[in-house]
Amino acid sequence: MSNMKAVAIALTKARGVAKKTQKPFDMQMLSILIPNDQVATENYSKFGKGFQVLEMPVSDEGYQALAMLEYPIAAEFTTGMVPRFGRMETMVTGVSGTPRVIDISGAAKA
């Protein structure tokens, strides 16, 4: 387990049947903002300013804790390795400390 400070803007739960495989799915995702940094390598370059959205999978236990919160929030999220689709994957497993709700109501009027 480890902790990750982030701004979360949404929590999503989706259920359905996959079109391709016709198998049922059930997943939870936390949308967080991460810096949109500049990247420059031999084969790739990207110019970025501001933030971009990263979708993080959420464990069943993590979803129960996160579903009780209002969004957007600044918080310290716990992450860990959880089995998913037959392999281990890093997921958000909960929140530690006291999340702080971020008021963006004024931004909608801009």
PDB file of N, CA and C in Angstrom:
ATOM      1  N   MET A   1       0.832  -1.184   0.000  1.00  0.00           N
ATOM      2  CA  MET A   1       0.000   0.000   0.000  1.00  0.00           C
ATOM      3  C   MET A   1       0.875   1.244   0.000  1.00  0.00           C
ATOM      4  N   SER A   2       0.412   2.234  -0.702  1.00  0.00           N
ATOM      5  CA  SER A   2       1.095   3.520  -0.690  1.00  0.00           C
ATOM      6  C   SER A   2       0.038   4.619  -0.778  1.00  0.00           C
ATOM      7  N   ASN A   3       0.478   5.859  -0.580  1.00  0.00           N
ATOM      8  CA  ASN A   3      -0.439   6.999  -0.620  1.00  0.00           C
ATOM      9  C   ASN A   3      -0.101   7.907  -1.788  1.00  0.00           C
ATOM     10  N   MET A   4      -1.132   8.598  -2.293  1.00  0.00           N
ATOM     11  CA  MET A   4      -0.978   9.486  -3.439  1.00  0.00           C
ATOM     12  C   MET A   4      -1.861  10.711  -3.199  1.00  0.00           C
ATOM     13  N   LYS A   5      -1.228  11.890  -3.145  1.00  0.00           N
ATOM     14  CA  LYS A   5      -2.006  13.131  -3.032  1.00  0.00           C
ATOM     15  C   LYS A   5      -2.479  13.526  -4.421  1.00  0.00           C
ATOM     16  N   ALA A   6      -3.769  13.874  -4.520  1.00  0.00           N
ATOM     17  CA  ALA A   6      -4.319  14.227  -5.825  1.00  0.00           C
ATOM     18  C   ALA A   6      -5.608  15.011  -5.662  1.00  0.00           C
ATOM     19  N   VAL A   7      -6.021  15.627  -6.754  1.00  0.00           N
ATOM     20  CA  VAL A   7      -7.332  16.256  -6.841  1.00  0.00           C
ATOM     21  C   VAL A   7      -8.199  15.310  -7.666  1.00  0.00           C
ATOM     22  N   ALA A   8      -9.280  14.846  -7.051  1.00  0.00           N
ATOM     23  CA  ALA A   8     -10.220  13.958  -7.744  1.00  0.00           C
ATOM     24  C   ALA A   8     -11.438  14.768  -8.165  1.00  0.00           C
ATOM     25  N   ILE A   9     -11.835  14.605  -9.423  1.00  0.00           N
ATOM     26  CA  ILE A   9     -12.955  15.389  -9.933  1.00  0.00           C
ATOM     27  C   ILE A   9     -14.224  14.559 -10.115  1.00  0.00           C
ATOM     28  N   ALA A  10     -14.098  13.226 -10.114  1.00  0.00           N
ATOM     29  CA  ALA A  10     -15.286  12.392 -10.308  1.00  0.00           C
ATOM     30  C   ALA A  10     -15.016  10.950  -9.895  1.00  0.00           C
ATOM     31  N   LEU A  11     -16.077  10.283  -9.470  1.00  0.00           N
ATOM     32  CA  LEU A  11     -16.058   8.848  -9.178  1.00  0.00           C
ATOM     33  C   LEU A  11     -17.147   8.228 -10.042  1.00  0.00           C
ATOM     34  N   THR A  12     -16.794   7.172 -10.782  1.00  0.00           N
ATOM     35  CA  THR A  12     -17.719   6.560 -11.728  1.00  0.00           C
ATOM     36  C   THR A  12     -17.811   5.057 -11.488  1.00  0.00           C
ATOM     37  N   LYS A  13     -19.019   4.521 -11.575  1.00  0.00           N
ATOM     38  CA  LYS A  13     -19.239   3.077 -11.516  1.00  0.00           C
ATOM     39  C   LYS A  13     -19.982   2.709 -12.789  1.00  0.00           C
ATOM     40  N   ALA A  14     -19.469   1.713 -13.518  1.00  0.00           N
ATOM     41  CA  ALA A  14     -20.087   1.295 -14.778  1.00  0.00           C
ATOM     42  C   ALA A  14     -20.301  -0.216 -14.770  1.00  0.00           C
ATOM     43  N   ARG A  15     -21.472  -0.633 -15.240  1.00  0.00           N
ATOM     44  CA  ARG A  15     -21.808  -2.052 -15.377  1.00  0.00           C
ATOM     45  C   ARG A  15     -22.402  -2.260 -16.749  1.00  0.00           C
ATOM     46  N   GLY A  16     -22.160  -3.431 -17.295  1.00  0.00           N
ATOM     47  CA  GLY A  16     -22.745  -3.723 -18.589  1.00  0.00           C
ATOM     48  C   GLY A  16     -22.248  -5.042 -19.131  1.00  0.00           C
ATOM     49  N   VAL A  17     -22.450  -5.218 -20.440  1.00  0.00           N
ATOM     50  CA  VAL A  17     -22.001  -6.403 -21.161  1.00  0.00           C
ATOM     51  C   VAL A  17     -21.113  -5.918 -22.302  1.00  0.00           C
ATOM     52  N   ALA A  18     -19.896  -6.453 -22.379  1.00  0.00           N
ATOM     53  CA  ALA A  18     -18.952  -6.052 -23.425  1.00  0.00           C
ATOM     54  C   ALA A  18     -19.483  -6.437 -24.807  1.00  0.00           C
ATOM     55  N   LYS A  19     -19.433  -5.509 -25.739  1.00  0.00           N
ATOM     56  CA  LYS A  19     -19.917  -5.762 -27.096  1.00  0.00           C
ATOM     57  C   LYS A  19     -19.125  -6.878 -27.769  1.00  0.00           C
ATOM     58  N   LYS A  20     -17.805  -6.827 -27.601  1.00  0.00           N
ATOM     59  CA  LYS A  20     -16.930  -7.762 -28.312  1.00  0.00           C
ATOM     60  C   LYS A  20     -17.019  -9.181 -27.762  1.00  0.00           C
ATOM     61  N   THR A  21     -16.947  -9.320 -26.426  1.00  0.00           N
ATOM     62  CA  THR A  21     -16.885 -10.656 -25.816  1.00  0.00           C
ATOM     63  C   THR A  21     -18.224 -11.132 -25.256  1.00  0.00           C
ATOM     64  N   GLN A  22     -19.181 -10.218 -25.124  1.00  0.00           N
ATOM     65  CA  GLN A  22     -20.479 -10.515 -24.520  1.00  0.00           C
ATOM     66  C   GLN A  22     -20.370 -10.943 -23.060  1.00  0.00           C
ATOM     67  N   LYS A  23     -19.241 -10.618 -22.419  1.00  0.00           N
ATOM     68  CA  LYS A  23     -19.050 -10.926 -21.002  1.00  0.00           C
ATOM     69  C   LYS A  23     -19.458  -9.712 -20.174  1.00  0.00           C
ATOM     70  N   PRO A  24     -20.068  -9.956 -19.013  1.00  0.00           N
ATOM     71  CA  PRO A  24     -20.451  -8.828 -18.151  1.00  0.00           C
ATOM     72  C   PRO A  24     -19.219  -8.166 -17.526  1.00  0.00           C
ATOM     73  N   PHE A  25     -19.335  -6.867 -17.270  1.00  0.00           N
ATOM     74  CA  PHE A  25     -18.256  -6.155 -16.581  1.00  0.00           C
ATOM     75  C   PHE A  25     -18.856  -5.265 -15.512  1.00  0.00           C
ATOM     76  N   ASP A  26     -18.050  -4.955 -14.523  1.00  0.00           N
ATOM     77  CA  ASP A  26     -18.423  -4.091 -13.413  1.00  0.00           C
ATOM     78  C   ASP A  26     -17.131  -3.408 -12.988  1.00  0.00           C
ATOM     79  N   MET A  27     -17.050  -2.078 -13.141  1.00  0.00           N
ATOM     80  CA  MET A  27     -15.808  -1.397 -12.799  1.00  0.00           C
ATOM     81  C   MET A  27     -16.088  -0.045 -12.177  1.00  0.00           C
ATOM     82  N   GLN A  28     -15.136   0.392 -11.353  1.00  0.00           N
ATOM     83  CA  GLN A  28     -15.190   1.690 -10.702  1.00  0.00           C
ATOM     84  C   GLN A  28     -13.921   2.453 -11.067  1.00  0.00           C
ATOM     85  N   MET A  29     -14.083   3.751 -11.379  1.00  0.00           N
ATOM     86  CA  MET A  29     -12.945   4.577 -11.762  1.00  0.00           C
ATOM     87  C   MET A  29     -12.987   5.905 -11.012  1.00  0.00           C
ATOM     88  N   LEU A  30     -11.799   6.386 -10.619  1.00  0.00           N
ATOM     89  CA  LEU A  30     -11.640   7.698 -10.000  1.00  0.00           C
ATOM     90  C   LEU A  30     -10.908   8.579 -11.003  1.00  0.00           C
ATOM     91  N   SER A  31     -11.495   9.709 -11.354  1.00  0.00           N
ATOM     92  CA  SER A  31     -10.868  10.653 -12.291  1.00  0.00           C
ATOM     93  C   SER A  31     -10.083  11.675 -11.482  1.00  0.00           C
ATOM     94  N   ILE A  32      -8.758  11.689 -11.689  1.00  0.00           N
ATOM     95  CA  ILE A  32      -7.904  12.625 -10.966  1.00  0.00           C
ATOM     96  C   ILE A  32      -7.198  13.541 -11.956  1.00  0.00           C
ATOM     97  N   LEU A  33      -6.798  14.706 -11.460  1.00  0.00           N
ATOM     98  CA  LEU A  33      -6.035  15.642 -12.283  1.00  0.00           C
ATOM     99  C   LEU A  33      -4.557  15.447 -12.023  1.00  0.00           C
ATOM    100  N   ILE A  34      -3.793  15.363 -13.107  1.00  0.00           N
ATOM    101  CA  ILE A  34      -2.334  15.267 -13.000  1.00  0.00           C
ATOM    102  C   ILE A  34      -1.718  16.361 -13.860  1.00  0.00           C
ATOM    103  N   PRO A  35      -0.522  16.831 -13.507  1.00  0.00           N
ATOM    104  CA  PRO A  35       0.112  17.877 -14.313  1.00  0.00           C
ATOM    105  C   PRO A  35       0.287  17.429 -15.760  1.00  0.00           C
ATOM    106  N   ASN A  36       0.003  18.319 -16.678  1.00  0.00           N
ATOM    107  CA  ASN A  36       0.172  18.058 -18.105  1.00  0.00           C
ATOM    108  C   ASN A  36       1.573  18.538 -18.495  1.00  0.00           C
ATOM    109  N   ASP A  37       2.559  17.752 -18.144  1.00  0.00           N
ATOM    110  CA  ASP A  37       3.957  18.126 -18.310  1.00  0.00           C
ATOM    111  C   ASP A  37       4.440  18.003 -19.748  1.00  0.00           C
ATOM    112  N   GLN A  38       5.552  18.672 -19.991  1.00  0.00           N
ATOM    113  CA  GLN A  38       6.216  18.538 -21.275  1.00  0.00           C
ATOM    114  C   GLN A  38       7.062  17.274 -21.250  1.00  0.00           C
ATOM    115  N   VAL A  39       7.087  16.576 -22.385  1.00  0.00           N
ATOM    116  CA  VAL A  39       7.867  15.346 -22.523  1.00  0.00           C
ATOM    117  C   VAL A  39       8.688  15.463 -23.790  1.00  0.00           C
ATOM    118  N   ALA A  40       9.948  15.080 -23.706  1.00  0.00           N
ATOM    119  CA  ALA A  40      10.809  15.096 -24.896  1.00  0.00           C
ATOM    120  C   ALA A  40      11.746  13.895 -24.837  1.00  0.00           C
ATOM    121  N   THR A  41      11.508  12.936 -25.728  1.00  0.00           N
ATOM    122  CA  THR A  41      12.397  11.788 -25.874  1.00  0.00           C
ATOM    123  C   THR A  41      12.781  11.691 -27.343  1.00  0.00           C
ATOM    124  N   GLU A  42      13.584  10.718 -27.657  1.00  0.00           N
ATOM    125  CA  GLU A  42      14.020  10.550 -29.040  1.00  0.00           C
ATOM    126  C   GLU A  42      12.837  10.277 -29.976  1.00  0.00           C
ATOM    127  N   ASN A  43      11.835   9.529 -29.490  1.00  0.00           N
ATOM    128  CA  ASN A  43      10.724   9.115 -30.342  1.00  0.00           C
ATOM    129  C   ASN A  43       9.399   9.817 -30.072  1.00  0.00           C
ATOM    130  N   TYR A  44       9.381  10.698 -29.082  1.00  0.00           N
ATOM    131  CA  TYR A  44       8.099  11.300 -28.714  1.00  0.00           C
ATOM    132  C   TYR A  44       8.324  12.654 -28.058  1.00  0.00           C
ATOM    133  N   SER A  45       7.457  13.602 -28.382  1.00  0.00           N
ATOM    134  CA  SER A  45       7.500  14.886 -27.688  1.00  0.00           C
ATOM    135  C   SER A  45       6.074  15.379 -27.487  1.00  0.00           C
ATOM    136  N   LYS A  46       5.876  16.088 -26.362  1.00  0.00           N
ATOM    137  CA  LYS A  46       4.559  16.616 -26.047  1.00  0.00           C
ATOM    138  C   LYS A  46       4.750  17.915 -25.285  1.00  0.00           C
ATOM    139  N   PHE A  47       4.005  18.930 -25.696  1.00  0.00           N
ATOM    140  CA  PHE A  47       3.974  20.185 -24.968  1.00  0.00           C
ATOM    141  C   PHE A  47       2.685  20.201 -24.177  1.00  0.00           C
ATOM    142  N   GLY A  48       2.775  20.490 -22.887  1.00  0.00           N
ATOM    143  CA  GLY A  48       1.568  20.508 -22.084  1.00  0.00           C
ATOM    144  C   GLY A  48       1.586  21.621 -21.055  1.00  0.00           C
ATOM    145  N   LYS A  49       0.425  22.171 -20.790  1.00  0.00           N
ATOM    146  CA  LYS A  49       0.226  23.168 -19.738  1.00  0.00           C
ATOM    147  C   LYS A  49      -1.021  22.773 -18.979  1.00  0.00           C
ATOM    148  N   GLY A  50      -1.081  23.150 -17.724  1.00  0.00           N
ATOM    149  CA  GLY A  50      -2.271  22.871 -16.938  1.00  0.00           C
ATOM    150  C   GLY A  50      -2.306  21.434 -16.448  1.00  0.00           C
ATOM    151  N   PHE A  51      -3.484  20.814 -16.557  1.00  0.00           N
ATOM    152  CA  PHE A  51      -3.683  19.468 -16.034  1.00  0.00           C
ATOM    153  C   PHE A  51      -4.391  18.601 -17.060  1.00  0.00           C
ATOM    154  N   GLN A  52      -4.231  17.297 -16.897  1.00  0.00           N
ATOM    155  CA  GLN A  52      -4.973  16.338 -17.706  1.00  0.00           C
ATOM    156  C   GLN A  52      -5.618  15.319 -16.774  1.00  0.00           C
ATOM    157  N   VAL A  53      -6.626  14.622 -17.268  1.00  0.00           N
ATOM    158  CA  VAL A  53      -7.360  13.663 -16.446  1.00  0.00           C
ATOM    159  C   VAL A  53      -6.741  12.278 -16.583  1.00  0.00           C
ATOM    160  N   LEU A  54      -6.563  11.619 -15.434  1.00  0.00           N
ATOM    161  CA  LEU A  54      -6.103  10.236 -15.395  1.00  0.00           C
ATOM    162  C   LEU A  54      -7.196   9.417 -14.728  1.00  0.00           C
ATOM    163  N   GLU A  55      -7.620   8.351 -15.383  1.00  0.00           N
ATOM    164  CA  GLU A  55      -8.633   7.453 -14.827  1.00  0.00           C
ATOM    165  C   GLU A  55      -7.915   6.343 -14.066  1.00  0.00           C
ATOM    166  N   MET A  56      -8.175   6.269 -12.756  1.00  0.00           N
ATOM    167  CA  MET A  56      -7.568   5.242 -11.904  1.00  0.00           C
ATOM    168  C   MET A  56      -8.639   4.224 -11.517  1.00  0.00           C
ATOM    169  N   PRO A  57      -8.373   2.920 -11.695  1.00  0.00           N
ATOM    170  CA  PRO A  57      -9.340   1.927 -11.238  1.00  0.00           C
ATOM    171  C   PRO A  57      -9.446   1.945  -9.714  1.00  0.00           C
ATOM    172  N   VAL A  58     -10.627   1.624  -9.205  1.00  0.00           N
ATOM    173  CA  VAL A  58     -10.913   1.656  -7.773  1.00  0.00           C
ATOM    174  C   VAL A  58     -11.377   0.263  -7.335  1.00  0.00           C
ATOM    175  N   SER A  59     -10.822  -0.224  -6.232  1.00  0.00           N
ATOM    176  CA  SER A  59     -11.243  -1.515  -5.692  1.00  0.00           C
ATOM    177  C   SER A  59     -12.667  -1.419  -5.154  1.00  0.00           C
ATOM    178  N   ASP A  60     -13.295  -2.567  -4.930  1.00  0.00           N
ATOM    179  CA  ASP A  60     -14.655  -2.570  -4.382  1.00  0.00           C
ATOM    180  C   ASP A  60     -14.703  -1.882  -3.025  1.00  0.00           C
ATOM    181  N   GLU A  61     -13.706  -2.173  -2.171  1.00  0.00           N
ATOM    182  CA  GLU A  61     -13.660  -1.553  -0.846  1.00  0.00           C
ATOM    183  C   GLU A  61     -13.416  -0.053  -0.956  1.00  0.00           C
ATOM    184  N   GLY A  62     -12.548   0.342  -1.863  1.00  0.00           N
ATOM    185  CA  GLY A  62     -12.269   1.757  -2.080  1.00  0.00           C
ATOM    186  C   GLY A  62     -13.497   2.504  -2.566  1.00  0.00           C
ATOM    187  N   TYR A  63     -14.275   1.867  -3.430  1.00  0.00           N
ATOM    188  CA  TYR A  63     -15.475   2.515  -3.951  1.00  0.00           C
ATOM    189  C   TYR A  63     -16.453   2.828  -2.825  1.00  0.00           C
ATOM    190  N   GLN A  64     -16.615   1.891  -1.895  1.00  0.00           N
ATOM    191  CA  GLN A  64     -17.533   2.107  -0.777  1.00  0.00           C
ATOM    192  C   GLN A  64     -17.145   3.363   0.008  1.00  0.00           C
ATOM    193  N   ALA A  65     -15.849   3.548   0.255  1.00  0.00           N
ATOM    194  CA  ALA A  65     -15.379   4.723   1.001  1.00  0.00           C
ATOM    195  C   ALA A  65     -15.492   5.997   0.171  1.00  0.00           C
ATOM    196  N   LEU A  66     -15.138   5.934  -1.106  1.00  0.00           N
ATOM    197  CA  LEU A  66     -15.127   7.118  -1.966  1.00  0.00           C
ATOM    198  C   LEU A  66     -16.532   7.570  -2.360  1.00  0.00           C
ATOM    199  N   ALA A  67     -17.482   6.663  -2.383  1.00  0.00           N
ATOM    200  CA  ALA A  67     -18.850   7.008  -2.782  1.00  0.00           C
ATOM    201  C   ALA A  67     -19.533   7.914  -1.754  1.00  0.00           C
ATOM    202  N   MET A  68     -19.011   7.960  -0.545  1.00  0.00           N
ATOM    203  CA  MET A  68     -19.597   8.792   0.512  1.00  0.00           C
ATOM    204  C   MET A  68     -19.141  10.250   0.428  1.00  0.00           C
ATOM    205  N   LEU A  69     -18.173  10.552  -0.431  1.00  0.00           N
ATOM    206  CA  LEU A  69     -17.571  11.886  -0.506  1.00  0.00           C
ATOM    207  C   LEU A  69     -18.229  12.730  -1.592  1.00  0.00           C
ATOM    208  N   GLU A  70     -18.094  14.064  -1.447  1.00  0.00           N
ATOM    209  CA  GLU A  70     -18.523  15.017  -2.478  1.00  0.00           C
ATOM    210  C   GLU A  70     -17.306  15.315  -3.361  1.00  0.00           C
ATOM    211  N   TYR A  71     -17.541  15.683  -4.621  1.00  0.00           N
ATOM    212  CA  TYR A  71     -16.450  15.974  -5.554  1.00  0.00           C
ATOM    213  C   TYR A  71     -16.659  17.339  -6.168  1.00  0.00           C
ATOM    214  N   PRO A  72     -15.567  18.019  -6.572  1.00  0.00           N
ATOM    215  CA  PRO A  72     -14.157  17.626  -6.555  1.00  0.00           C
ATOM    216  C   PRO A  72     -13.548  17.766  -5.153  1.00  0.00           C
ATOM    217  N   ILE A  73     -12.511  16.964  -4.905  1.00  0.00           N
ATOM    218  CA  ILE A  73     -11.834  16.984  -3.609  1.00  0.00           C
ATOM    219  C   ILE A  73     -10.322  16.912  -3.789  1.00  0.00           C
ATOM    220  N   ALA A  74      -9.629  17.489  -2.822  1.00  0.00           N
ATOM    221  CA  ALA A  74      -8.180  17.305  -2.689  1.00  0.00           C
ATOM    222  C   ALA A  74      -8.021  16.328  -1.529  1.00  0.00           C
ATOM    223  N   ALA A  75      -7.277  15.248  -1.758  1.00  0.00           N
ATOM    224  CA  ALA A  75      -7.172  14.220  -0.726  1.00  0.00           C
ATOM    225  C   ALA A  75      -5.903  13.401  -0.912  1.00  0.00           C
ATOM    226  N   GLU A  76      -5.638  12.585   0.088  1.00  0.00           N
ATOM    227  CA  GLU A  76      -4.561  11.611   0.014  1.00  0.00           C
ATOM    228  C   GLU A  76      -5.222  10.239  -0.139  1.00  0.00           C
ATOM    229  N   PHE A  77      -5.050   9.648  -1.298  1.00  0.00           N
ATOM    230  CA  PHE A  77      -5.676   8.374  -1.614  1.00  0.00           C
ATOM    231  C   PHE A  77      -4.696   7.239  -1.355  1.00  0.00           C
ATOM    232  N   THR A  78      -5.216   6.121  -0.871  1.00  0.00           N
ATOM    233  CA  THR A  78      -4.388   4.932  -0.690  1.00  0.00           C
ATOM    234  C   THR A  78      -4.500   4.083  -1.950  1.00  0.00           C
ATOM    235  N   THR A  79      -3.381   3.500  -2.343  1.00  0.00           N
ATOM    236  CA  THR A  79      -3.358   2.629  -3.510  1.00  0.00           C
ATOM    237  C   THR A  79      -2.703   1.309  -3.121  1.00  0.00           C
ATOM    238  N   GLY A  80      -3.020   0.278  -3.872  1.00  0.00           N
ATOM    239  CA  GLY A  80      -2.428  -1.022  -3.620  1.00  0.00           C
ATOM    240  C   GLY A  80      -2.617  -1.934  -4.820  1.00  0.00           C
ATOM    241  N   MET A  81      -1.943  -3.066  -4.789  1.00  0.00           N
ATOM    242  CA  MET A  81      -2.059  -4.059  -5.853  1.00  0.00           C
ATOM    243  C   MET A  81      -3.265  -4.946  -5.555  1.00  0.00           C
ATOM    244  N   VAL A  82      -4.187  -5.021  -6.515  1.00  0.00           N
ATOM    245  CA  VAL A  82      -5.427  -5.769  -6.351  1.00  0.00           C
ATOM    246  C   VAL A  82      -5.616  -6.645  -7.593  1.00  0.00           C
ATOM    247  N   PRO A  83      -6.059  -7.905  -7.432  1.00  0.00           N
ATOM    248  CA  PRO A  83      -6.299  -8.741  -8.612  1.00  0.00           C
ATOM    249  C   PRO A  83      -7.470  -8.217  -9.434  1.00  0.00           C
ATOM    250  N   ARG A  84      -7.268  -8.124 -10.746  1.00  0.00           N
ATOM    251  CA  ARG A  84      -8.313  -7.665 -11.664  1.00  0.00           C
ATOM    252  C   ARG A  84      -8.083  -8.307 -13.021  1.00  0.00           C
ATOM    253  N   PHE A  85      -9.104  -8.935 -13.550  1.00  0.00           N
ATOM    254  CA  PHE A  85      -9.032  -9.589 -14.859  1.00  0.00           C
ATOM    255  C   PHE A  85      -7.864 -10.575 -14.940  1.00  0.00           C
ATOM    256  N   GLY A  86      -7.628 -11.301 -13.863  1.00  0.00           N
ATOM    257  CA  GLY A  86      -6.604 -12.336 -13.854  1.00  0.00           C
ATOM    258  C   GLY A  86      -5.181 -11.851 -13.666  1.00  0.00           C
ATOM    259  N   ARG A  87      -5.004 -10.581 -13.318  1.00  0.00           N
ATOM    260  CA  ARG A  87      -3.639 -10.074 -13.067  1.00  0.00           C
ATOM    261  C   ARG A  87      -3.691  -9.035 -11.956  1.00  0.00           C
ATOM    262  N   MET A  88      -2.536  -8.723 -11.403  1.00  0.00           N
ATOM    263  CA  MET A  88      -2.457  -7.725 -10.341  1.00  0.00           C
ATOM    264  C   MET A  88      -2.388  -6.330 -10.969  1.00  0.00           C
ATOM    265  N   GLU A  89      -3.149  -5.397 -10.411  1.00  0.00           N
ATOM    266  CA  GLU A  89      -3.198  -4.040 -10.952  1.00  0.00           C
ATOM    267  C   GLU A  89      -3.203  -3.029  -9.799  1.00  0.00           C
ATOM    268  N   THR A  90      -2.552  -1.889 -10.017  1.00  0.00           N
ATOM    269  CA  THR A  90      -2.583  -0.821  -9.024  1.00  0.00           C
ATOM    270  C   THR A  90      -3.951  -0.166  -9.054  1.00  0.00           C
ATOM    271  N   MET A  91      -4.588  -0.100  -7.874  1.00  0.00           N
ATOM    272  CA  MET A  91      -5.916   0.489  -7.759  1.00  0.00           C
ATOM    273  C   MET A  91      -5.974   1.425  -6.565  1.00  0.00           C
ATOM    274  N   VAL A  92      -6.914   2.354  -6.610  1.00  0.00           N
ATOM    275  CA  VAL A  92      -7.221   3.177  -5.450  1.00  0.00           C
ATOM    276  C   VAL A  92      -8.015   2.288  -4.499  1.00  0.00           C
ATOM    277  N   THR A  93      -7.551   2.215  -3.253  1.00  0.00           N
ATOM    278  CA  THR A  93      -8.196   1.335  -2.280  1.00  0.00           C
ATOM    279  C   THR A  93      -8.909   2.107  -1.167  1.00  0.00           C
ATOM    280  N   GLY A  94      -8.779   3.430  -1.143  1.00  0.00           N
ATOM    281  CA  GLY A  94      -9.448   4.233  -0.131  1.00  0.00           C
ATOM    282  C   GLY A  94      -8.863   5.620  -0.051  1.00  0.00           C
ATOM    283  N   VAL A  95      -9.178   6.290   1.042  1.00  0.00           N
ATOM    284  CA  VAL A  95      -8.696   7.649   1.268  1.00  0.00           C
ATOM    285  C   VAL A  95      -8.239   7.738   2.711  1.00  0.00           C
ATOM    286  N   SER A  96      -7.146   8.467   2.945  1.00  0.00           N
ATOM    287  CA  SER A  96      -6.656   8.641   4.311  1.00  0.00           C
ATOM    288  C   SER A  96      -6.754  10.113   4.693  1.00  0.00           C
ATOM    289  N   GLY A  97      -6.882  10.369   5.970  1.00  0.00           N
ATOM    290  CA  GLY A  97      -7.010  11.751   6.415  1.00  0.00           C
ATOM    291  C   GLY A  97      -8.387  12.310   6.085  1.00  0.00           C
ATOM    292  N   THR A  98      -8.476  13.623   6.064  1.00  0.00           N
ATOM    293  CA  THR A  98      -9.742  14.309   5.801  1.00  0.00           C
ATOM    294  C   THR A  98      -9.685  14.989   4.439  1.00  0.00           C
ATOM    295  N   PRO A  99     -10.478  14.518   3.464  1.00  0.00           N
ATOM    296  CA  PRO A  99     -10.508  15.167   2.149  1.00  0.00           C
ATOM    297  C   PRO A  99     -11.059  16.586   2.261  1.00  0.00           C
ATOM    298  N   ARG A 100     -10.589  17.453   1.373  1.00  0.00           N
ATOM    299  CA  ARG A 100     -11.047  18.844   1.351  1.00  0.00           C
ATOM    300  C   ARG A 100     -11.827  19.077   0.055  1.00  0.00           C
ATOM    301  N   VAL A 101     -13.109  19.426   0.193  1.00  0.00           N
ATOM    302  CA  VAL A 101     -13.943  19.712  -0.977  1.00  0.00           C
ATOM    303  C   VAL A 101     -13.463  21.005  -1.615  1.00  0.00           C
ATOM    304  N   ILE A 102     -13.377  21.019  -2.937  1.00  0.00           N
ATOM    305  CA  ILE A 102     -12.940  22.190  -3.695  1.00  0.00           C
ATOM    306  C   ILE A 102     -14.157  22.848  -4.333  1.00  0.00           C
ATOM    307  N   ASP A 103     -14.397  24.114  -4.030  1.00  0.00           N
ATOM    308  CA  ASP A 103     -15.545  24.844  -4.562  1.00  0.00           C
ATOM    309  C   ASP A 103     -15.176  25.399  -5.945  1.00  0.00           C
ATOM    310  N   ILE A 104     -15.825  24.867  -6.971  1.00  0.00           N
ATOM    311  CA  ILE A 104     -15.590  25.384  -8.320  1.00  0.00           C
ATOM    312  C   ILE A 104     -16.851  26.033  -8.882  1.00  0.00           C
ATOM    313  N   SER A 105     -17.804  26.357  -8.014  1.00  0.00           N
ATOM    314  CA  SER A 105     -19.060  26.944  -8.480  1.00  0.00           C
ATOM    315  C   SER A 105     -18.839  28.258  -9.208  1.00  0.00           C
ATOM    316  N   GLY A 106     -17.859  29.054  -8.778  1.00  0.00           N
ATOM    317  CA  GLY A 106     -17.573  30.311  -9.454  1.00  0.00           C
ATOM    318  C   GLY A 106     -16.980  30.126 -10.828  1.00  0.00           C
ATOM    319  N   ALA A 107     -16.298  29.003 -11.062  1.00  0.00           N
ATOM    320  CA  ALA A 107     -15.680  28.749 -12.356  1.00  0.00           C
ATOM    321  C   ALA A 107     -16.722  28.528 -13.437  1.00  0.00           C
ATOM    322  N   ALA A 108     -17.877  27.990 -13.072  1.00  0.00           N
ATOM    323  CA  ALA A 108     -18.934  27.723 -14.054  1.00  0.00           C
ATOM    324  C   ALA A 108     -19.521  29.020 -14.603  1.00  0.00           C
ATOM    325  N   LYS A 109     -19.386  30.116 -13.857  1.00  0.00           N
ATOM    326  CA  LYS A 109     -19.934  31.395 -14.296  1.00  0.00           C
ATOM    327  C   LYS A 109     -18.980  32.181 -15.176  1.00  0.00           C
ATOM    328  N   ALA A 110     -17.746  31.731 -15.279  1.00  0.00           N
ATOM    329  CA  ALA A 110     -16.728  32.464 -16.039  1.00  0.00           C
ATOM    330  C   ALA A 110     -16.981  32.444 -17.516  1.00  0.00           C
TER     331      ALA A 110
END
